[in-house]
N, C-alpha and C. Protein backbone atom coordinates (compact mmCIF):
# COMPACT_ATOMS: atom_id res chain seq x y z
N MET A 1 -83.73 -8.15 -3.03
CA MET A 1 -82.92 -8.60 -4.10
C MET A 1 -82.10 -7.46 -4.68
N LYS A 2 -82.67 -6.30 -4.68
CA LYS A 2 -81.95 -5.16 -5.19
C LYS A 2 -80.70 -4.90 -4.36
N ILE A 3 -80.78 -5.09 -3.09
CA ILE A 3 -79.63 -4.84 -2.22
C ILE A 3 -78.56 -5.89 -2.49
N LEU A 4 -79.01 -7.14 -2.66
CA LEU A 4 -78.07 -8.21 -2.93
C LEU A 4 -77.38 -7.97 -4.27
N ALA A 5 -78.05 -7.49 -5.26
CA ALA A 5 -77.47 -7.21 -6.56
C ALA A 5 -76.43 -6.09 -6.45
N LYS A 6 -76.76 -5.09 -5.62
CA LYS A 6 -75.82 -3.98 -5.44
C LYS A 6 -74.56 -4.46 -4.72
N VAL A 7 -74.71 -5.30 -3.72
CA VAL A 7 -73.56 -5.82 -2.97
C VAL A 7 -72.70 -6.68 -3.88
N LEU A 8 -73.35 -7.53 -4.69
CA LEU A 8 -72.60 -8.38 -5.61
C LEU A 8 -71.88 -7.56 -6.66
N LEU A 9 -72.55 -6.52 -7.13
CA LEU A 9 -71.92 -5.65 -8.12
C LEU A 9 -70.72 -4.95 -7.51
N LEU A 10 -70.85 -4.44 -6.30
CA LEU A 10 -69.73 -3.79 -5.62
C LEU A 10 -68.60 -4.79 -5.35
N ALA A 11 -68.92 -5.99 -4.97
CA ALA A 11 -67.92 -7.01 -4.72
C ALA A 11 -67.18 -7.36 -6.00
N ALA A 12 -67.91 -7.46 -7.13
CA ALA A 12 -67.28 -7.78 -8.40
C ALA A 12 -66.34 -6.66 -8.84
N VAL A 13 -66.77 -5.42 -8.66
CA VAL A 13 -65.92 -4.27 -9.01
C VAL A 13 -64.68 -4.27 -8.13
N ALA A 14 -64.83 -4.52 -6.84
CA ALA A 14 -63.71 -4.56 -5.91
C ALA A 14 -62.73 -5.65 -6.30
N LEU A 15 -63.24 -6.85 -6.63
CA LEU A 15 -62.37 -7.96 -7.02
C LEU A 15 -61.61 -7.65 -8.30
N CYS A 16 -62.22 -6.92 -9.20
CA CYS A 16 -61.55 -6.56 -10.44
C CYS A 16 -60.47 -5.52 -10.20
N LEU A 17 -60.68 -4.60 -9.30
CA LEU A 17 -59.73 -3.51 -9.06
C LEU A 17 -58.58 -3.91 -8.14
N ILE A 18 -58.86 -4.68 -7.10
CA ILE A 18 -57.83 -5.03 -6.11
C ILE A 18 -56.66 -5.77 -6.76
N PRO A 19 -56.85 -6.81 -7.58
CA PRO A 19 -55.69 -7.47 -8.19
C PRO A 19 -54.89 -6.50 -9.07
N ASN A 20 -55.56 -5.60 -9.76
CA ASN A 20 -54.84 -4.66 -10.60
C ASN A 20 -54.00 -3.71 -9.76
N LEU A 21 -54.50 -3.32 -8.60
CA LEU A 21 -53.74 -2.45 -7.73
C LEU A 21 -52.55 -3.20 -7.15
N ALA A 22 -52.73 -4.44 -6.78
CA ALA A 22 -51.66 -5.22 -6.19
C ALA A 22 -50.60 -5.56 -7.23
N MET A 23 -50.95 -5.71 -8.46
CA MET A 23 -50.01 -6.09 -9.49
C MET A 23 -49.45 -4.89 -10.25
N ALA A 24 -49.90 -3.72 -9.94
CA ALA A 24 -49.43 -2.54 -10.65
C ALA A 24 -47.95 -2.29 -10.32
N ALA A 25 -47.15 -1.91 -11.30
CA ALA A 25 -45.73 -1.63 -11.11
C ALA A 25 -45.56 -0.31 -10.37
N GLU A 26 -44.52 -0.31 -9.51
CA GLU A 26 -44.19 0.94 -8.82
C GLU A 26 -43.69 1.94 -9.84
N PRO A 27 -44.00 3.18 -9.70
CA PRO A 27 -43.49 4.16 -10.67
C PRO A 27 -41.99 4.39 -10.44
N ASN A 28 -41.24 4.54 -11.52
CA ASN A 28 -39.80 4.83 -11.44
C ASN A 28 -39.57 6.23 -11.94
N ASP A 29 -38.64 6.90 -11.27
CA ASP A 29 -38.22 8.21 -11.72
C ASP A 29 -36.79 8.39 -11.23
N THR A 30 -35.93 8.93 -12.02
CA THR A 30 -34.53 9.07 -11.64
C THR A 30 -34.10 10.53 -11.68
N ALA A 31 -33.08 10.79 -10.91
CA ALA A 31 -32.42 12.10 -10.93
C ALA A 31 -30.92 11.82 -10.92
N THR A 32 -30.19 12.54 -11.71
CA THR A 32 -28.75 12.31 -11.77
C THR A 32 -28.00 13.51 -11.20
N CYS A 33 -26.77 13.23 -10.81
CA CYS A 33 -25.91 14.28 -10.27
C CYS A 33 -24.50 14.00 -10.74
N ASP A 34 -23.91 14.91 -11.47
CA ASP A 34 -22.51 14.78 -11.86
C ASP A 34 -21.66 15.18 -10.66
N ILE A 35 -20.58 14.44 -10.43
CA ILE A 35 -19.73 14.70 -9.27
C ILE A 35 -18.31 14.91 -9.76
N TYR A 36 -17.64 15.91 -9.22
CA TYR A 36 -16.29 16.25 -9.63
C TYR A 36 -15.42 16.43 -8.39
N VAL A 37 -14.16 16.10 -8.53
CA VAL A 37 -13.19 16.38 -7.48
C VAL A 37 -11.84 16.60 -8.16
N THR A 38 -11.03 17.43 -7.59
CA THR A 38 -9.69 17.67 -8.08
C THR A 38 -8.71 17.10 -7.07
N VAL A 39 -7.76 16.32 -7.54
CA VAL A 39 -6.68 15.84 -6.69
C VAL A 39 -5.46 16.71 -7.01
N ASN A 40 -5.02 17.45 -6.05
CA ASN A 40 -3.87 18.32 -6.23
C ASN A 40 -2.58 17.50 -6.10
N PRO A 41 -1.47 18.08 -6.52
CA PRO A 41 -0.20 17.38 -6.32
C PRO A 41 -0.01 17.06 -4.83
N ILE A 42 0.42 15.84 -4.54
CA ILE A 42 0.64 15.41 -3.16
C ILE A 42 2.08 14.96 -3.01
N MET A 43 2.70 15.42 -1.97
CA MET A 43 4.05 15.02 -1.57
C MET A 43 4.02 15.01 -0.04
N GLU A 44 4.00 13.85 0.54
CA GLU A 44 3.80 13.79 1.99
C GLU A 44 4.62 12.65 2.59
N TRP A 45 5.54 13.01 3.48
CA TRP A 45 6.32 12.00 4.18
C TRP A 45 5.40 11.23 5.11
N ALA A 46 5.60 9.92 5.22
CA ALA A 46 4.83 9.09 6.15
C ALA A 46 5.18 9.46 7.60
N GLY A 47 6.35 10.01 7.80
CA GLY A 47 6.81 10.41 9.13
C GLY A 47 8.29 10.73 9.05
N ASN A 48 8.90 10.93 10.20
CA ASN A 48 10.34 11.15 10.25
C ASN A 48 11.07 9.82 10.19
N PHE A 49 12.30 9.88 9.76
CA PHE A 49 13.15 8.69 9.81
C PHE A 49 13.34 8.30 11.27
N THR A 50 13.49 7.01 11.51
CA THR A 50 13.87 6.54 12.84
C THR A 50 15.32 6.97 13.06
N ASP A 51 15.66 7.32 14.30
CA ASP A 51 17.04 7.72 14.60
C ASP A 51 18.02 6.64 14.19
N ILE A 52 19.16 7.06 13.70
CA ILE A 52 20.21 6.14 13.29
C ILE A 52 21.31 6.16 14.34
N THR A 53 21.65 5.00 14.86
CA THR A 53 22.75 4.89 15.81
C THR A 53 23.83 4.01 15.18
N LEU A 54 25.00 4.58 15.00
CA LEU A 54 26.13 3.85 14.43
C LEU A 54 26.83 3.07 15.53
N THR A 55 27.51 2.00 15.13
CA THR A 55 28.31 1.28 16.12
C THR A 55 29.49 2.17 16.53
N ALA A 56 30.04 1.90 17.67
CA ALA A 56 31.13 2.73 18.21
C ALA A 56 32.38 2.63 17.35
N ILE A 57 33.11 3.73 17.33
CA ILE A 57 34.42 3.75 16.68
C ILE A 57 35.43 3.33 17.73
N ASN A 58 36.14 2.23 17.46
CA ASN A 58 37.12 1.69 18.40
C ASN A 58 38.56 1.81 17.90
N ALA A 59 38.72 2.19 16.65
CA ALA A 59 40.06 2.32 16.07
C ALA A 59 40.02 3.41 15.01
N GLN A 60 41.15 4.02 14.72
CA GLN A 60 41.22 5.13 13.79
C GLN A 60 40.71 4.73 12.41
N ALA A 61 40.81 3.50 12.01
CA ALA A 61 40.39 3.05 10.68
C ALA A 61 38.92 2.63 10.62
N ASP A 62 38.22 2.62 11.75
CA ASP A 62 36.81 2.21 11.74
C ASP A 62 35.96 3.17 10.90
N ALA A 63 34.96 2.60 10.22
CA ALA A 63 34.04 3.41 9.39
C ALA A 63 32.62 2.85 9.53
N PRO A 64 32.02 2.99 10.71
CA PRO A 64 30.67 2.44 10.88
C PRO A 64 29.66 3.17 10.00
N ASP A 65 28.70 2.40 9.51
CA ASP A 65 27.60 3.01 8.75
C ASP A 65 26.31 2.28 9.10
N ALA A 66 25.22 2.97 8.90
CA ALA A 66 23.89 2.42 9.14
C ALA A 66 22.90 3.20 8.29
N ASN A 67 21.64 2.74 8.28
CA ASN A 67 20.64 3.42 7.44
C ASN A 67 19.26 3.24 8.04
N GLU A 68 18.37 4.07 7.56
CA GLU A 68 16.94 3.99 7.89
C GLU A 68 16.16 4.35 6.64
N THR A 69 14.94 3.81 6.56
CA THR A 69 14.08 4.02 5.40
C THR A 69 12.81 4.74 5.81
N GLN A 70 12.36 5.65 4.96
CA GLN A 70 11.09 6.33 5.18
C GLN A 70 10.36 6.40 3.84
N THR A 71 9.04 6.43 3.90
CA THR A 71 8.19 6.48 2.71
C THR A 71 7.70 7.89 2.48
N ILE A 72 7.68 8.28 1.22
CA ILE A 72 7.03 9.54 0.85
C ILE A 72 5.94 9.20 -0.16
N TYR A 73 4.72 9.70 0.11
CA TYR A 73 3.57 9.48 -0.77
C TYR A 73 3.54 10.61 -1.78
N THR A 74 3.31 10.26 -3.04
CA THR A 74 3.36 11.29 -4.06
C THR A 74 2.53 10.92 -5.29
N ASN A 75 2.07 11.94 -5.98
CA ASN A 75 1.44 11.76 -7.29
C ASN A 75 2.05 12.75 -8.28
N CYS A 76 3.26 13.21 -7.96
CA CYS A 76 3.92 14.20 -8.81
C CYS A 76 5.43 13.96 -8.80
N ASN A 77 6.11 14.68 -9.65
CA ASN A 77 7.58 14.64 -9.68
C ASN A 77 8.11 15.65 -8.67
N PHE A 78 9.24 15.31 -8.06
CA PHE A 78 9.83 16.21 -7.09
C PHE A 78 11.32 15.96 -6.99
N GLU A 79 11.99 16.77 -6.20
CA GLU A 79 13.41 16.59 -5.93
C GLU A 79 13.62 16.45 -4.44
N ILE A 80 14.69 15.75 -4.08
CA ILE A 80 15.09 15.64 -2.68
C ILE A 80 16.36 16.47 -2.50
N ASP A 81 16.33 17.35 -1.52
CA ASP A 81 17.49 18.16 -1.16
C ASP A 81 17.87 17.79 0.27
N ALA A 82 19.12 18.04 0.62
CA ALA A 82 19.62 17.70 1.96
C ALA A 82 20.25 18.92 2.61
N ASP A 83 20.35 18.88 3.91
CA ASP A 83 21.03 19.91 4.69
C ASP A 83 22.53 19.72 4.51
N GLN A 84 23.21 20.76 4.03
CA GLN A 84 24.66 20.69 3.85
C GLN A 84 25.40 21.55 4.88
N THR A 85 24.70 21.94 5.94
CA THR A 85 25.33 22.75 6.98
C THR A 85 25.97 21.85 8.03
N THR A 86 26.68 22.44 8.96
CA THR A 86 27.34 21.67 10.02
C THR A 86 26.35 20.94 10.92
N THR A 87 25.08 21.27 10.84
CA THR A 87 24.05 20.52 11.59
C THR A 87 24.05 19.05 11.16
N ALA A 88 24.40 18.79 9.90
CA ALA A 88 24.40 17.43 9.36
C ALA A 88 25.73 16.71 9.58
N GLN A 89 26.68 17.34 10.25
CA GLN A 89 27.98 16.73 10.52
C GLN A 89 28.00 16.19 11.95
N LEU A 90 28.49 14.97 12.10
CA LEU A 90 28.62 14.40 13.44
C LEU A 90 29.67 15.18 14.22
N SER A 91 29.22 15.74 15.34
CA SER A 91 30.12 16.56 16.15
C SER A 91 29.73 16.45 17.62
N LYS A 92 30.62 16.93 18.47
CA LYS A 92 30.34 17.00 19.91
C LYS A 92 30.93 18.30 20.42
N GLY A 93 30.41 18.74 21.51
CA GLY A 93 30.91 19.98 22.11
C GLY A 93 31.78 19.69 23.32
N ALA A 94 32.46 20.69 23.78
CA ALA A 94 33.24 20.72 25.03
C ALA A 94 34.10 19.50 25.26
N PRO A 95 35.22 19.35 24.72
CA PRO A 95 35.78 20.21 23.67
C PRO A 95 35.19 19.86 22.30
N VAL A 96 35.07 20.88 21.46
CA VAL A 96 34.46 20.71 20.15
C VAL A 96 35.31 19.78 19.28
N ASP A 97 34.65 18.83 18.62
CA ASP A 97 35.33 17.91 17.72
C ASP A 97 34.31 17.42 16.69
N ASP A 98 34.79 17.09 15.50
CA ASP A 98 33.93 16.63 14.41
C ASP A 98 34.46 15.33 13.83
N LEU A 99 33.56 14.53 13.30
CA LEU A 99 33.91 13.33 12.56
C LEU A 99 33.65 13.58 11.07
N VAL A 100 34.32 12.84 10.23
CA VAL A 100 34.01 12.90 8.80
C VAL A 100 32.66 12.20 8.65
N THR A 101 31.68 12.93 8.11
CA THR A 101 30.30 12.43 8.02
C THR A 101 29.90 12.38 6.55
N LYS A 102 29.52 11.18 6.11
CA LYS A 102 29.14 10.99 4.70
C LYS A 102 27.76 10.35 4.62
N TYR A 103 27.09 10.62 3.49
CA TYR A 103 25.73 10.12 3.28
C TYR A 103 25.58 9.48 1.90
N LYS A 104 24.57 8.61 1.79
CA LYS A 104 24.08 8.05 0.52
C LYS A 104 22.56 8.05 0.57
N LEU A 105 21.92 7.97 -0.59
CA LEU A 105 20.46 7.94 -0.69
C LEU A 105 20.06 6.88 -1.72
N ILE A 106 19.20 5.94 -1.31
CA ILE A 106 18.78 4.85 -2.19
C ILE A 106 17.25 4.85 -2.29
N TYR A 107 16.74 4.69 -3.54
CA TYR A 107 15.30 4.63 -3.79
C TYR A 107 14.87 3.19 -4.05
N ASP A 108 13.62 2.87 -3.74
CA ASP A 108 13.11 1.53 -4.06
C ASP A 108 12.58 1.45 -5.49
N GLY A 109 12.53 2.55 -6.19
CA GLY A 109 12.09 2.58 -7.58
C GLY A 109 13.04 3.42 -8.41
N ASP A 110 13.00 3.22 -9.73
CA ASP A 110 13.94 3.92 -10.60
C ASP A 110 13.32 5.08 -11.38
N GLY A 111 12.02 5.30 -11.23
CA GLY A 111 11.34 6.37 -11.96
C GLY A 111 10.89 5.96 -13.35
N ALA A 112 11.33 4.79 -13.83
CA ALA A 112 10.93 4.31 -15.16
C ALA A 112 9.86 3.24 -15.06
N SER A 113 9.96 2.37 -14.06
CA SER A 113 8.97 1.30 -13.88
C SER A 113 8.28 1.40 -12.52
N ALA A 114 8.74 2.28 -11.68
CA ALA A 114 8.15 2.53 -10.36
C ALA A 114 8.61 3.91 -9.90
N THR A 115 7.83 4.57 -9.08
CA THR A 115 8.20 5.89 -8.59
C THR A 115 9.56 5.81 -7.90
N GLY A 116 10.45 6.71 -8.27
CA GLY A 116 11.78 6.72 -7.67
C GLY A 116 12.74 7.58 -8.47
N GLY A 117 14.01 7.32 -8.28
CA GLY A 117 15.03 8.11 -8.95
C GLY A 117 16.33 7.34 -9.06
N THR A 118 17.35 8.06 -9.45
CA THR A 118 18.68 7.47 -9.56
C THR A 118 19.34 7.50 -8.18
N ASP A 119 19.77 6.34 -7.73
CA ASP A 119 20.40 6.25 -6.41
C ASP A 119 21.63 7.15 -6.34
N VAL A 120 21.81 7.75 -5.19
CA VAL A 120 23.03 8.49 -4.89
C VAL A 120 23.84 7.52 -4.03
N ASP A 121 24.53 6.58 -4.71
CA ASP A 121 25.11 5.45 -4.00
C ASP A 121 26.62 5.56 -3.78
N THR A 122 27.14 6.74 -3.93
CA THR A 122 28.54 7.01 -3.61
C THR A 122 28.56 7.82 -2.32
N TRP A 123 29.39 7.40 -1.37
CA TRP A 123 29.50 8.16 -0.12
C TRP A 123 29.91 9.59 -0.43
N THR A 124 29.12 10.55 0.07
CA THR A 124 29.36 11.97 -0.18
C THR A 124 29.38 12.72 1.14
N GLU A 125 30.40 13.57 1.33
CA GLU A 125 30.50 14.33 2.59
C GLU A 125 29.29 15.23 2.77
N TYR A 126 28.94 15.43 4.04
CA TYR A 126 27.73 16.15 4.41
C TYR A 126 27.60 17.50 3.71
N ASN A 127 28.72 18.22 3.53
CA ASN A 127 28.64 19.58 2.99
C ASN A 127 28.47 19.64 1.48
N SER A 128 28.49 18.47 0.81
CA SER A 128 28.20 18.44 -0.63
C SER A 128 27.15 17.39 -0.98
N PHE A 129 26.60 16.72 0.04
CA PHE A 129 25.57 15.69 -0.18
C PHE A 129 24.31 16.34 -0.75
N LEU A 130 23.92 15.91 -1.93
CA LEU A 130 22.76 16.43 -2.66
C LEU A 130 22.87 17.95 -2.90
N SER A 131 24.10 18.43 -3.14
CA SER A 131 24.24 19.85 -3.48
C SER A 131 23.48 20.15 -4.77
N THR A 132 23.36 19.14 -5.64
CA THR A 132 22.40 19.18 -6.74
C THR A 132 21.29 18.23 -6.31
N PRO A 133 20.07 18.74 -6.08
CA PRO A 133 18.99 17.87 -5.59
C PRO A 133 18.77 16.64 -6.49
N SER A 134 18.35 15.56 -5.89
CA SER A 134 18.10 14.30 -6.57
C SER A 134 16.66 14.26 -7.08
N ALA A 135 16.49 14.02 -8.39
CA ALA A 135 15.16 14.01 -9.02
C ALA A 135 14.43 12.70 -8.73
N VAL A 136 13.15 12.83 -8.41
CA VAL A 136 12.26 11.68 -8.21
C VAL A 136 11.15 11.80 -9.23
N THR A 137 10.94 10.73 -10.00
CA THR A 137 9.91 10.73 -11.04
C THR A 137 8.74 9.87 -10.58
N HIS A 138 7.53 10.44 -10.64
CA HIS A 138 6.32 9.69 -10.29
C HIS A 138 5.96 8.77 -11.45
N PHE A 139 5.66 7.51 -11.12
CA PHE A 139 5.22 6.53 -12.09
C PHE A 139 3.74 6.27 -11.83
N ASP A 140 2.88 6.48 -12.85
CA ASP A 140 1.44 6.30 -12.67
C ASP A 140 1.13 4.92 -12.09
N GLY A 141 0.30 4.91 -11.09
CA GLY A 141 -0.10 3.67 -10.43
C GLY A 141 0.78 3.31 -9.25
N ASP A 142 1.87 4.05 -9.03
CA ASP A 142 2.75 3.81 -7.89
C ASP A 142 2.85 5.12 -7.12
N GLY A 143 2.08 5.24 -6.07
CA GLY A 143 1.94 6.50 -5.36
C GLY A 143 2.86 6.69 -4.17
N ASN A 144 3.96 5.95 -4.12
CA ASN A 144 4.91 6.19 -3.03
C ASN A 144 6.29 5.71 -3.44
N VAL A 145 7.26 6.18 -2.69
CA VAL A 145 8.64 5.73 -2.88
C VAL A 145 9.27 5.59 -1.51
N ASP A 146 9.99 4.49 -1.30
CA ASP A 146 10.76 4.32 -0.07
C ASP A 146 12.15 4.89 -0.31
N ILE A 147 12.56 5.74 0.60
CA ILE A 147 13.86 6.40 0.50
C ILE A 147 14.70 5.93 1.68
N THR A 148 15.89 5.39 1.38
CA THR A 148 16.78 4.92 2.43
C THR A 148 17.97 5.88 2.54
N LEU A 149 18.11 6.45 3.73
CA LEU A 149 19.21 7.36 4.03
C LEU A 149 20.30 6.56 4.74
N HIS A 150 21.50 6.59 4.17
CA HIS A 150 22.66 5.91 4.75
C HIS A 150 23.60 6.98 5.32
N VAL A 151 24.23 6.69 6.44
CA VAL A 151 25.21 7.61 7.02
C VAL A 151 26.44 6.80 7.46
N GLN A 152 27.60 7.42 7.31
CA GLN A 152 28.86 6.79 7.69
C GLN A 152 29.70 7.80 8.46
N ALA A 153 30.40 7.32 9.48
CA ALA A 153 31.30 8.17 10.27
C ALA A 153 32.70 7.60 10.20
N THR A 154 33.66 8.47 10.01
CA THR A 154 35.07 8.07 10.07
C THR A 154 35.85 9.13 10.81
N CYS A 155 37.02 8.74 11.24
CA CYS A 155 37.92 9.68 11.90
C CYS A 155 38.59 10.55 10.84
N PRO A 156 38.89 11.79 11.20
CA PRO A 156 39.65 12.61 10.26
C PRO A 156 41.00 11.95 9.95
N ALA A 157 41.54 12.21 8.77
CA ALA A 157 42.80 11.59 8.34
C ALA A 157 43.90 11.84 9.37
N ALA A 158 44.60 10.78 9.72
CA ALA A 158 45.77 10.84 10.61
C ALA A 158 45.43 11.50 11.96
N GLU A 159 44.19 11.29 12.42
CA GLU A 159 43.79 11.90 13.69
C GLU A 159 42.86 10.95 14.42
N VAL A 160 42.95 10.97 15.72
CA VAL A 160 42.00 10.23 16.54
C VAL A 160 41.11 11.28 17.20
N PRO A 161 39.80 11.19 17.00
CA PRO A 161 38.91 12.21 17.58
C PRO A 161 38.77 12.04 19.10
N ASN A 162 38.24 13.06 19.73
CA ASN A 162 37.97 13.01 21.16
C ASN A 162 36.95 11.92 21.45
N SER A 163 37.05 11.32 22.60
CA SER A 163 36.06 10.31 22.98
C SER A 163 34.76 11.00 23.38
N GLY A 164 33.68 10.26 23.29
CA GLY A 164 32.38 10.79 23.69
C GLY A 164 31.33 10.59 22.62
N ALA A 165 30.15 11.10 22.89
CA ALA A 165 29.00 10.95 22.00
C ALA A 165 28.95 12.08 20.99
N TYR A 166 28.83 11.73 19.73
CA TYR A 166 28.72 12.68 18.62
C TYR A 166 27.30 12.59 18.07
N SER A 167 26.80 13.70 17.56
CA SER A 167 25.45 13.69 16.99
C SER A 167 25.36 14.65 15.81
N ALA A 168 24.34 14.39 15.00
CA ALA A 168 24.05 15.24 13.84
C ALA A 168 22.56 15.11 13.54
N THR A 169 22.04 16.04 12.78
CA THR A 169 20.67 15.96 12.29
C THR A 169 20.70 16.23 10.79
N GLN A 170 20.25 15.25 10.02
CA GLN A 170 20.15 15.43 8.57
C GLN A 170 18.69 15.67 8.23
N THR A 171 18.42 16.72 7.47
CA THR A 171 17.07 17.04 7.04
C THR A 171 16.98 16.89 5.53
N LEU A 172 16.07 16.02 5.10
CA LEU A 172 15.80 15.86 3.68
C LEU A 172 14.52 16.62 3.36
N THR A 173 14.54 17.39 2.30
CA THR A 173 13.39 18.20 1.91
C THR A 173 12.92 17.78 0.53
N ALA A 174 11.63 17.48 0.40
CA ALA A 174 11.02 17.17 -0.89
C ALA A 174 10.50 18.49 -1.49
N ILE A 175 10.88 18.74 -2.74
CA ILE A 175 10.52 19.98 -3.43
C ILE A 175 9.77 19.63 -4.71
N TRP A 176 8.52 20.07 -4.81
CA TRP A 176 7.68 19.77 -5.97
C TRP A 176 8.32 20.35 -7.23
N THR A 177 8.29 19.57 -8.34
CA THR A 177 8.79 20.09 -9.62
C THR A 177 7.73 20.06 -10.71
N SER A 178 6.86 19.04 -10.75
CA SER A 178 5.79 18.99 -11.76
C SER A 178 4.82 17.88 -11.44
N ASP A 179 3.68 17.91 -12.13
CA ASP A 179 2.66 16.86 -11.95
C ASP A 179 3.07 15.61 -12.67
């Protein structure tokens, strides 16, 4: 009987402890970590403009124009400058000849309600196009601006240019001005 009493006592103790162990809450403990990152000013073209091919000039009065658009990602204010050298003028070699080459620049935002600037919407000859860089203002919450480059070719006054293929390369440069 003594053994049976001991077994029953042990069984009763076990029954009392097991439910408490099964119902006991898991211990909680936390550790925190503050995390910091700095985002520097960003000005990054999505890529190069697609090549622009103008329609052929068939008469002295023809003035073909075309355009392409490229995106620049930004979180800061910047300016756009252009190449004003003869590299940006439509020309051909052997025999050397040049066309009157003019440009315009259009933004998809105005800088007041979306990232952008004031359009340069008057045809300007290559050698004075953006001689004063065009300001682009970043608008919080709008991290990009689409920039459309327009180009126009015409014959020099009272002259018919040589036949053949003419080419130019216009380079637009984004220059950081402020955050």
